[in-house]
C-alpha atoms as a PDB file:
ATOM      1  CA  UNK A   1     103.253  78.292 119.074  1.00  0.00           C
ATOM      2  CA  UNK A   2      99.555  78.170 117.945  1.00  0.00           C
ATOM      3  CA  UNK A   3      99.188  78.126 114.001  1.00  0.00           C
ATOM      4  CA  UNK A   4      95.989  80.505 114.605  1.00  0.00           C
ATOM      5  CA  UNK A   5      98.546  83.248 115.813  1.00  0.00           C
ATOM      6  CA  UNK A   6     100.061  83.848 112.637  1.00  0.00           C
ATOM      7  CA  UNK A   7      96.941  84.880 110.444  1.00  0.00           C
ATOM      8  CA  UNK A   8      96.361  88.330 109.912  1.00  0.00           C
ATOM      9  CA  UNK A   9      93.105  90.009 108.192  1.00  0.00           C
ATOM     10  CA  UNK A  10      93.289  91.316 104.673  1.00  0.00           C
ATOM     11  CA  UNK A  11      93.502  94.867 104.887  1.00  0.00           C
ATOM     12  CA  UNK A  12      94.368  97.776 102.017  1.00  0.00           C
ATOM     13  CA  UNK A  13      95.246 101.395 102.689  1.00  0.00           C
ATOM     14  CA  UNK A  14      93.128 103.890 101.284  1.00  0.00           C
ATOM     15  CA  UNK A  15      93.739 108.147 100.710  1.00  0.00           C
ATOM     16  CA  UNK A  16      90.815 108.757 102.611  1.00  0.00           C
ATOM     17  CA  UNK A  17      91.620 110.128 105.706  1.00  0.00           C
ATOM     18  CA  UNK A  18      88.367 109.056 107.588  1.00  0.00           C
ATOM     19  CA  UNK A  19      88.528 105.990 106.293  1.00  0.00           C
ATOM     20  CA  UNK A  20      91.826 104.460 106.266  1.00  0.00           C
ATOM     21  CA  UNK A  21      91.228 100.815 105.761  1.00  0.00           C
ATOM     22  CA  UNK A  22      88.698  99.123 103.365  1.00  0.00           C
ATOM     23  CA  UNK A  23      88.641  95.394 102.553  1.00  0.00           C
ATOM     24  CA  UNK A  24      87.059  92.624 100.505  1.00  0.00           C
ATOM     25  CA  UNK A  25      87.627  90.037 103.085  1.00  0.00           C
ATOM     26  CA  UNK A  26      90.380  87.492 103.432  1.00  0.00           C
ATOM     27  CA  UNK A  27      93.025  85.802 105.537  1.00  0.00           C
ATOM     28  CA  UNK A  28      96.744  86.284 105.288  1.00  0.00           C
ATOM     29  CA  UNK A  29      99.029  83.596 106.860  1.00  0.00           C
ATOM     30  CA  UNK A  30     102.952  84.609 107.948  1.00  0.00           C
ATOM     31  CA  UNK A  31     104.880  81.836 107.848  1.00  0.00           C
ATOM     32  CA  UNK A  32     108.747  80.994 108.083  1.00  0.00           C
ATOM     33  CA  UNK A  33     110.450  79.094 105.545  1.00  0.00           C
ATOM     34  CA  UNK A  34     114.499  78.486 104.795  1.00  0.00           C
ATOM     35  CA  UNK A  35     114.638  80.961 107.568  1.00  0.00           C
ATOM     36  CA  UNK A  36     112.378  83.295 105.389  1.00  0.00           C
ATOM     37  CA  UNK A  37     109.612  85.398 106.546  1.00  0.00           C
ATOM     38  CA  UNK A  38     106.267  85.374 103.992  1.00  0.00           C
ATOM     39  CA  UNK A  39     102.994  85.258 103.754  1.00  0.00           C
ATOM     40  CA  UNK A  40     100.359  83.281 102.031  1.00  0.00           C
ATOM     41  CA  UNK A  41      96.976  84.314 100.625  1.00  0.00           C
ATOM     42  CA  UNK A  42      94.603  84.055  97.726  1.00  0.00           C
ATOM     43  CA  UNK A  43      95.097  86.031  94.578  1.00  0.00           C
ATOM     44  CA  UNK A  44      91.473  87.025  94.410  1.00  0.00           C
ATOM     45  CA  UNK A  45      91.378  88.834  97.597  1.00  0.00           C
ATOM     46  CA  UNK A  46      93.169  91.698  95.922  1.00  0.00           C
ATOM     47  CA  UNK A  47      89.909  92.222  93.667  1.00  0.00           C
ATOM     48  CA  UNK A  48      90.673  96.010  92.428  1.00  0.00           C
ATOM     49  CA  UNK A  49      92.763  97.529  95.310  1.00  0.00           C
ATOM     50  CA  UNK A  50      96.282  98.105  94.138  1.00  0.00           C
ATOM     51  CA  UNK A  51      98.804  95.592  95.504  1.00  0.00           C
ATOM     52  CA  UNK A  52     100.984  98.157  97.050  1.00  0.00           C
ATOM     53  CA  UNK A  53      98.073  99.331  99.577  1.00  0.00           C
ATOM     54  CA  UNK A  54      98.221  95.818 101.290  1.00  0.00           C
ATOM     55  CA  UNK A  55      98.546  96.387 104.819  1.00  0.00           C
ATOM     56  CA  UNK A  56      99.856  93.373 106.961  1.00  0.00           C
ATOM     57  CA  UNK A  57     100.477  94.227 110.679  1.00  0.00           C
ATOM     58  CA  UNK A  58     103.179  92.946 113.143  1.00  0.00           C
ATOM     59  CA  UNK A  59     100.661  91.702 115.624  1.00  0.00           C
ATOM     60  CA  UNK A  60      97.328  89.694 114.973  1.00  0.00           C
ATOM     61  CA  UNK A  61      96.016  92.065 117.149  1.00  0.00           C
ATOM     62  CA  UNK A  62      97.014  95.252 115.749  1.00  0.00           C
ATOM     63  CA  UNK A  63      97.292  98.647 117.933  1.00  0.00           C
ATOM     64  CA  UNK A  64      96.754 101.784 117.098  1.00  0.00           C
ATOM     65  CA  UNK A  65      99.620 102.831 114.910  1.00  0.00           C
ATOM     66  CA  UNK A  66     101.221  99.612 113.984  1.00  0.00           C
ATOM     67  CA  UNK A  67     103.526  99.617 111.201  1.00  0.00           C
ATOM     68  CA  UNK A  68     102.906  97.512 108.100  1.00  0.00           C
ATOM     69  CA  UNK A  69     105.360  94.940 106.996  1.00  0.00           C
ATOM     70  CA  UNK A  70     107.469  95.844 104.356  1.00  0.00           C
ATOM     71  CA  UNK A  71     106.081  94.257 101.267  1.00  0.00           C
ATOM     72  CA  UNK A  72     108.317  94.041  97.928  1.00  0.00           C
ATOM     73  CA  UNK A  73     106.722  91.328  95.862  1.00  0.00           C
ATOM     74  CA  UNK A  74     104.270  88.824  94.736  1.00  0.00           C
ATOM     75  CA  UNK A  75     104.412  85.492  93.376  1.00  0.00           C
ATOM     76  CA  UNK A  76     101.487  84.056  91.500  1.00  0.00           C
ATOM     77  CA  UNK A  77     101.736  80.668  89.595  1.00  0.00           C
ATOM     78  CA  UNK A  78     100.476  81.011  86.268  1.00  0.00           C
ATOM     79  CA  UNK A  79     100.648  79.545  82.724  1.00  0.00           C
ATOM     80  CA  UNK A  80      99.502  76.069  84.022  1.00  0.00           C
ATOM     81  CA  UNK A  81     100.492  72.787  82.281  1.00  0.00           C
ATOM     82  CA  UNK A  82      99.048  69.198  82.786  1.00  0.00           C
ATOM     83  CA  UNK A  83      96.739  68.199  85.744  1.00  0.00           C
ATOM     84  CA  UNK A  84      97.271  71.755  87.135  1.00  0.00           C
ATOM     85  CA  UNK A  85      95.604  73.223  84.116  1.00  0.00           C
ATOM     86  CA  UNK A  86      91.691  74.497  85.110  1.00  0.00           C
ATOM     87  CA  UNK A  87      92.777  74.007  88.690  1.00  0.00           C
ATOM     88  CA  UNK A  88      92.626  76.856  91.869  1.00  0.00           C
ATOM     89  CA  UNK A  89      96.563  76.277  92.233  1.00  0.00           C
ATOM     90  CA  UNK A  90      96.563  79.665  90.405  1.00  0.00           C
ATOM     91  CA  UNK A  91      95.200  81.092  92.970  1.00  0.00           C
ATOM     92  CA  UNK A  92      97.846  81.077  95.708  1.00  0.00           C
ATOM     93  CA  UNK A  93      99.784  83.957  96.225  1.00  0.00           C
ATOM     94  CA  UNK A  94     103.017  83.932  98.174  1.00  0.00           C
ATOM     95  CA  UNK A  95     103.996  87.494  99.797  1.00  0.00           C
ATOM     96  CA  UNK A  96     107.589  88.490  99.834  1.00  0.00           C
ATOM     97  CA  UNK A  97     108.898  90.973 102.561  1.00  0.00           C
ATOM     98  CA  UNK A  98     111.863  92.737 102.337  1.00  0.00           C
ATOM     99  CA  UNK A  99     114.899  90.538 102.776  1.00  0.00           C
ATOM    100  CA  UNK A 100     116.153  93.107 105.372  1.00  0.00           C
ATOM    101  CA  UNK A 101     112.562  92.813 107.552  1.00  0.00           C
ATOM    102  CA  UNK A 102     113.895  92.070 111.221  1.00  0.00           C
ATOM    103  CA  UNK A 103     113.523  88.366 111.953  1.00  0.00           C
ATOM    104  CA  UNK A 104     111.378  89.157 115.507  1.00  0.00           C
ATOM    105  CA  UNK A 105     109.025  91.701 113.312  1.00  0.00           C
ATOM    106  CA  UNK A 106     105.654  89.109 113.784  1.00  0.00           C
ATOM    107  CA  UNK A 107     107.295  88.676 117.334  1.00  0.00           C
ATOM    108  CA  UNK A 108     107.556  84.945 116.825  1.00  0.00           C
ATOM    109  CA  UNK A 109     103.728  84.582 115.703  1.00  0.00           C
ATOM    110  CA  UNK A 110     104.757  83.070 112.144  1.00  0.00           C
ATOM    111  CA  UNK A 111     104.243  79.172 111.560  1.00  0.00           C
ATOM    112  CA  UNK A 112     107.692  77.636 110.784  1.00  0.00           C
ATOM    113  CA  UNK A 113     106.893  75.236 107.460  1.00  0.00           C
ATOM    114  CA  UNK A 114     109.104  72.438 107.706  1.00  0.00           C
ATOM    115  CA  UNK A 115     109.111  68.705 106.761  1.00  0.00           C
ATOM    116  CA  UNK A 116     107.966  68.187 110.248  1.00  0.00           C
ATOM    117  CA  UNK A 117     105.601  70.792 110.689  1.00  0.00           C
ATOM    118  CA  UNK A 118     103.549  69.589 107.388  1.00  0.00           C
ATOM    119  CA  UNK A 119     101.367  66.841 106.095  1.00  0.00           C
ATOM    120  CA  UNK A 120      98.784  66.199 103.358  1.00  0.00           C
ATOM    121  CA  UNK A 121      95.408  65.182 105.628  1.00  0.00           C
ATOM    122  CA  UNK A 122      93.562  62.023 105.163  1.00  0.00           C
ATOM    123  CA  UNK A 123      89.902  61.572 104.883  1.00  0.00           C
ATOM    124  CA  UNK A 124      88.315  61.487 107.861  1.00  0.00           C
ATOM    125  CA  UNK A 125      90.899  63.453 110.014  1.00  0.00           C
ATOM    126  CA  UNK A 126      89.600  66.403 111.911  1.00  0.00           C
ATOM    127  CA  UNK A 127      90.578  69.816 110.700  1.00  0.00           C
ATOM    128  CA  UNK A 128      91.062  72.903 112.254  1.00  0.00           C
ATOM    129  CA  UNK A 129      90.655  76.359 110.414  1.00  0.00           C
ATOM    130  CA  UNK A 130      91.561  79.672 111.765  1.00  0.00           C
ATOM    131  CA  UNK A 131      90.472  82.788 109.653  1.00  0.00           C
ATOM    132  CA  UNK A 132      88.621  86.164 109.601  1.00  0.00           C
ATOM    133  CA  UNK A 133      84.800  86.340 108.945  1.00  0.00           C
ATOM    134  CA  UNK A 134      83.866  89.547 107.134  1.00  0.00           C
ATOM    135  CA  UNK A 135      80.456  89.151 108.526  1.00  0.00           C
ATOM    136  CA  UNK A 136      81.903  89.663 112.023  1.00  0.00           C
ATOM    137  CA  UNK A 137      84.862  92.461 111.059  1.00  0.00           C
ATOM    138  CA  UNK A 138      83.717  96.137 111.230  1.00  0.00           C
ATOM    139  CA  UNK A 139      85.760  98.933 110.161  1.00  0.00           C
ATOM    140  CA  UNK A 140      84.042 101.708 111.832  1.00  0.00           C
ATOM    141  CA  UNK A 141      86.502 104.744 112.438  1.00  0.00           C
ATOM    142  CA  UNK A 142      88.630 105.360 114.863  1.00  0.00           C
ATOM    143  CA  UNK A 143      87.338 101.534 115.666  1.00  0.00           C
ATOM    144  CA  UNK A 144      88.524  98.111 113.944  1.00  0.00           C
ATOM    145  CA  UNK A 145      86.820  95.057 115.016  1.00  0.00           C
ATOM    146  CA  UNK A 146      88.584  91.587 113.660  1.00  0.00           C
ATOM    147  CA  UNK A 147      86.020  88.846 113.364  1.00  0.00           C
ATOM    148  CA  UNK A 148      88.651  86.393 113.958  1.00  0.00           C
ATOM    149  CA  UNK A 149      87.388  82.199 114.271  1.00  0.00           C
ATOM    150  CA  UNK A 150      88.057  78.646 114.741  1.00  0.00           C
ATOM    151  CA  UNK A 151      85.976  76.124 112.498  1.00  0.00           C
ATOM    152  CA  UNK A 152      86.118  72.748 113.322  1.00  0.00           C
ATOM    153  CA  UNK A 153      85.782  70.626 109.988  1.00  0.00           C
ATOM    154  CA  UNK A 154      86.754  67.236 109.024  1.00  0.00           C
ATOM    155  CA  UNK A 155      88.860  65.697 105.562  1.00  0.00           C
ATOM    156  CA  UNK A 156      86.502  64.316 102.810  1.00  0.00           C
ATOM    157  CA  UNK A 157      89.643  64.064 100.686  1.00  0.00           C
ATOM    158  CA  UNK A 158      89.594  64.844  96.898  1.00  0.00           C
ATOM    159  CA  UNK A 159      86.299  64.611  95.364  1.00  0.00           C
ATOM    160  CA  UNK A 160      86.357  66.862  92.327  1.00  0.00           C
ATOM    161  CA  UNK A 161      87.895  67.024  89.044  1.00  0.00           C
ATOM    162  CA  UNK A 162      90.596  69.484  90.798  1.00  0.00           C
ATOM    163  CA  UNK A 163      93.585  67.419  92.137  1.00  0.00           C
ATOM    164  CA  UNK A 164      94.951  70.194  93.887  1.00  0.00           C
ATOM    165  CA  UNK A 165      91.949  70.873  96.031  1.00  0.00           C
ATOM    166  CA  UNK A 166      90.659  68.728  99.416  1.00  0.00           C
ATOM    167  CA  UNK A 167      87.089  69.066 100.688  1.00  0.00           C
ATOM    168  CA  UNK A 168      86.319  69.979 104.401  1.00  0.00           C
ATOM    169  CA  UNK A 169      83.081  69.668 105.705  1.00  0.00           C
ATOM    170  CA  UNK A 170      81.169  70.250 109.100  1.00  0.00           C
ATOM    171  CA  UNK A 171      77.431  70.488 110.414  1.00  0.00           C
ATOM    172  CA  UNK A 172      77.115  73.358 112.935  1.00  0.00           C
ATOM    173  CA  UNK A 173      74.203  72.950 115.048  1.00  0.00           C
ATOM    174  CA  UNK A 174      73.812  76.720 115.885  1.00  0.00           C
ATOM    175  CA  UNK A 175      76.131  78.551 113.730  1.00  0.00           C
ATOM    176  CA  UNK A 176      76.733  82.273 115.412  1.00  0.00           C
ATOM    177  CA  UNK A 177      77.311  83.355 111.345  1.00  0.00           C
ATOM    178  CA  UNK A 178      75.231  82.862 108.352  1.00  0.00           C
ATOM    179  CA  UNK A 179      78.612  83.721 106.157  1.00  0.00           C
ATOM    180  CA  UNK A 180      81.912  82.258 105.687  1.00  0.00           C
ATOM    181  CA  UNK A 181      83.136  85.445 103.417  1.00  0.00           C
ATOM    182  CA  UNK A 182      86.774  86.200 104.089  1.00  0.00           C
ATOM    183  CA  UNK A 183      87.915  83.138 105.487  1.00  0.00           C
ATOM    184  CA  UNK A 184      89.557  82.812 101.977  1.00  0.00           C
ATOM    185  CA  UNK A 185      93.284  81.822 102.574  1.00  0.00           C
ATOM    186  CA  UNK A 186      92.782  80.514 106.598  1.00  0.00           C
ATOM    187  CA  UNK A 187      95.049  77.491 107.126  1.00  0.00           C
ATOM    188  CA  UNK A 188      93.772  74.370 107.582  1.00  0.00           C
ATOM    189  CA  UNK A 189      95.506  72.370 110.457  1.00  0.00           C
ATOM    190  CA  UNK A 190      94.957  68.608 110.848  1.00  0.00           C
ATOM    191  CA  UNK A 191      94.181  68.151 114.397  1.00  0.00           C
ATOM    192  CA  UNK A 192      94.471  64.471 113.719  1.00  0.00           C
ATOM    193  CA  UNK A 193      98.186  64.359 112.559  1.00  0.00           C
ATOM    194  CA  UNK A 194      98.842  67.567 114.415  1.00  0.00           C
ATOM    195  CA  UNK A 195     100.239  69.172 111.212  1.00  0.00           C
ATOM    196  CA  UNK A 196      99.490  72.277 108.801  1.00  0.00           C
ATOM    197  CA  UNK A 197      97.798  70.620 105.699  1.00  0.00           C
ATOM    198  CA  UNK A 198      96.580  72.977 103.918  1.00  0.00           C
ATOM    199  CA  UNK A 199      95.066  76.748 102.823  1.00  0.00           C
ATOM    200  CA  UNK A 200      91.089  77.590 101.887  1.00  0.00           C
ATOM    201  CA  UNK A 201      90.260  78.949  98.637  1.00  0.00           C
ATOM    202  CA  UNK A 202      86.986  78.778  98.522  1.00  0.00           C
ATOM    203  CA  UNK A 203      83.498  77.603 100.314  1.00  0.00           C
ATOM    204  CA  UNK A 204      80.380  78.196 101.258  1.00  0.00           C
ATOM    205  CA  UNK A 205      77.264  77.629 103.694  1.00  0.00           C
ATOM    206  CA  UNK A 206      74.249  75.573 102.886  1.00  0.00           C
ATOM    207  CA  UNK A 207      71.855  76.228 106.157  1.00  0.00           C
ATOM    208  CA  UNK A 208      74.172  74.894 108.882  1.00  0.00           C
ATOM    209  CA  UNK A 209      76.064  72.740 106.387  1.00  0.00           C
ATOM    210  CA  UNK A 210      79.741  74.384 105.745  1.00  0.00           C
ATOM    211  CA  UNK A 211      81.985  73.102 102.957  1.00  0.00           C
ATOM    212  CA  UNK A 212      85.785  74.237 102.440  1.00  0.00           C
ATOM    213  CA  UNK A 213      87.919  73.500  99.328  1.00  0.00           C
ATOM    214  CA  UNK A 214      91.555  74.122 100.520  1.00  0.00           C
ATOM    215  CA  UNK A 215      94.575  73.439  98.602  1.00  0.00           C
ATOM    216  CA  UNK A 216      96.671  70.865  99.541  1.00  0.00           C
ATOM    217  CA  UNK A 217     100.121  71.859 101.728  1.00  0.00           C
ATOM    218  CA  UNK A 218     102.411  69.855  98.994  1.00  0.00           C
ATOM    219  CA  UNK A 219     101.784  72.382  96.077  1.00  0.00           C
ATOM    220  CA  UNK A 220     102.088  75.173  98.780  1.00  0.00           C
ATOM    221  CA  UNK A 221     105.456  73.684  99.967  1.00  0.00           C
ATOM    222  CA  UNK A 222     106.680  73.312  96.315  1.00  0.00           C
ATOM    223  CA  UNK A 223     105.710  77.124  95.254  1.00  0.00           C
ATOM    224  CA  UNK A 224     107.380  78.179  98.398  1.00  0.00           C
ATOM    225  CA  UNK A 225     110.570  76.437  97.482  1.00  0.00           C
ATOM    226  CA  UNK A 226     110.808  77.701  94.028  1.00  0.00           C
ATOM    227  CA  UNK A 227     110.110  81.606  95.625  1.00  0.00           C
ATOM    228  CA  UNK A 228     113.224  80.825  98.064  1.00  0.00           C
ATOM    229  CA  UNK A 229     115.453  79.916  95.533  1.00  0.00           C
ATOM    230  CA  UNK A 230     114.424  82.591  92.801  1.00  0.00           C
ATOM    231  CA  UNK A 231     113.147  80.203  90.306  1.00  0.00           C
ATOM    232  CA  UNK A 232     110.408  81.055  87.672  1.00  0.00           C
ATOM    233  CA  UNK A 233     109.257  77.793  86.632  1.00  0.00           C
ATOM    234  CA  UNK A 234     107.676  74.507  88.231  1.00  0.00           C
ATOM    235  CA  UNK A 235     107.227  71.449  86.759  1.00  0.00           C
ATOM    236  CA  UNK A 236     103.475  72.065  86.360  1.00  0.00           C
ATOM    237  CA  UNK A 237     103.239  76.094  86.480  1.00  0.00           C
ATOM    238  CA  UNK A 238     105.403  79.413  85.589  1.00  0.00           C
ATOM    239  CA  UNK A 239     106.187  81.596  88.508  1.00  0.00           C
ATOM    240  CA  UNK A 240     105.327  85.276  88.143  1.00  0.00           C
ATOM    241  CA  UNK A 241     106.785  87.667  90.390  1.00  0.00           C
ATOM    242  CA  UNK A 242     105.139  91.056  90.671  1.00  0.00           C
ATOM    243  CA  UNK A 243     107.353  93.958  92.412  1.00  0.00           C
ATOM    244  CA  UNK A 244     105.252  95.961  94.919  1.00  0.00           C
ATOM    245  CA  UNK A 245     105.870  99.707  95.252  1.00  0.00           C
ATOM    246  CA  UNK A 246     104.479 101.001  98.708  1.00  0.00           C
ATOM    247  CA  UNK A 247     104.073 104.589  97.356  1.00  0.00           C
ATOM    248  CA  UNK A 248     100.879 106.113  97.145  1.00  0.00           C
ATOM    249  CA  UNK A 249      97.631 104.331  98.570  1.00  0.00           C
ATOM    250  CA  UNK A 250      94.690 103.103  96.574  1.00  0.00           C
ATOM    251  CA  UNK A 251      91.883 105.377  96.294  1.00  0.00           C
ATOM    252  CA  UNK A 252      88.654 102.917  96.430  1.00  0.00           C
ATOM    253  CA  UNK A 253      85.722 104.619  97.603  1.00  0.00           C
ATOM    254  CA  UNK A 254      84.642 104.001 101.476  1.00  0.00           C
ATOM    255  CA  UNK A 255      81.075 103.517 100.449  1.00  0.00           C
ATOM    256  CA  UNK A 256      81.602 100.692  98.044  1.00  0.00           C
ATOM    257  CA  UNK A 257      80.168  97.483  99.061  1.00  0.00           C
ATOM    258  CA  UNK A 258      83.229  95.681 100.289  1.00  0.00           C
ATOM    259  CA  UNK A 259      82.419  91.682  99.642  1.00  0.00           C
ATOM    260  CA  UNK A 260      84.482  88.428  98.446  1.00  0.00           C
END
């Protein structure tokens, strides 16, 4: 299964009948871990939207009337200790779906995370990032166009004081976009090793040069492991689960500028 089939746009349902969905940008990555379905994203993509308004569809290219996945909780690392202090590891968000969700809800598009499907990248390895570009996404009711993209970059290793992050870089000759806003939480796939190696947390464009910072897959798997067994503490962070209510939608004005 192509890992890019497991991505979904981050949308939130509003209470405006003529403008049902809104977003600051961002990507969700649907995975299966220990026989349970989850989604991975970044905490900052929520902005000021109510958590219960998050809308994740069953298919990558959602059809009219698509039902949202039943979300019951959001798990965030908090209270970092030791080397995790002042790092982006606390931006990781594990989305928990209802335990009774049908195993085929995402129609087999989820990426299976296990020992044979993931690995830390090495400097120089070719990477592929599948995500959503906000610049190419249009919400013009009743039409919604999702700016899916695939970016080829190269791993540059750990080059900052944050040991949880790796740098990926690329020089695009004639990019069809000027901003990579929205690519937060996009999965990073090591094409050289043919393994999933991380998740984008931030980045930017400087002319034709693209730089992405991504959380190493090691930290993501450790957090998934703790969430799957209901742990509240890890060796370097405390885990906090926030229950999600799917009640009243958020009342964010559709005229406001949605950028993140």
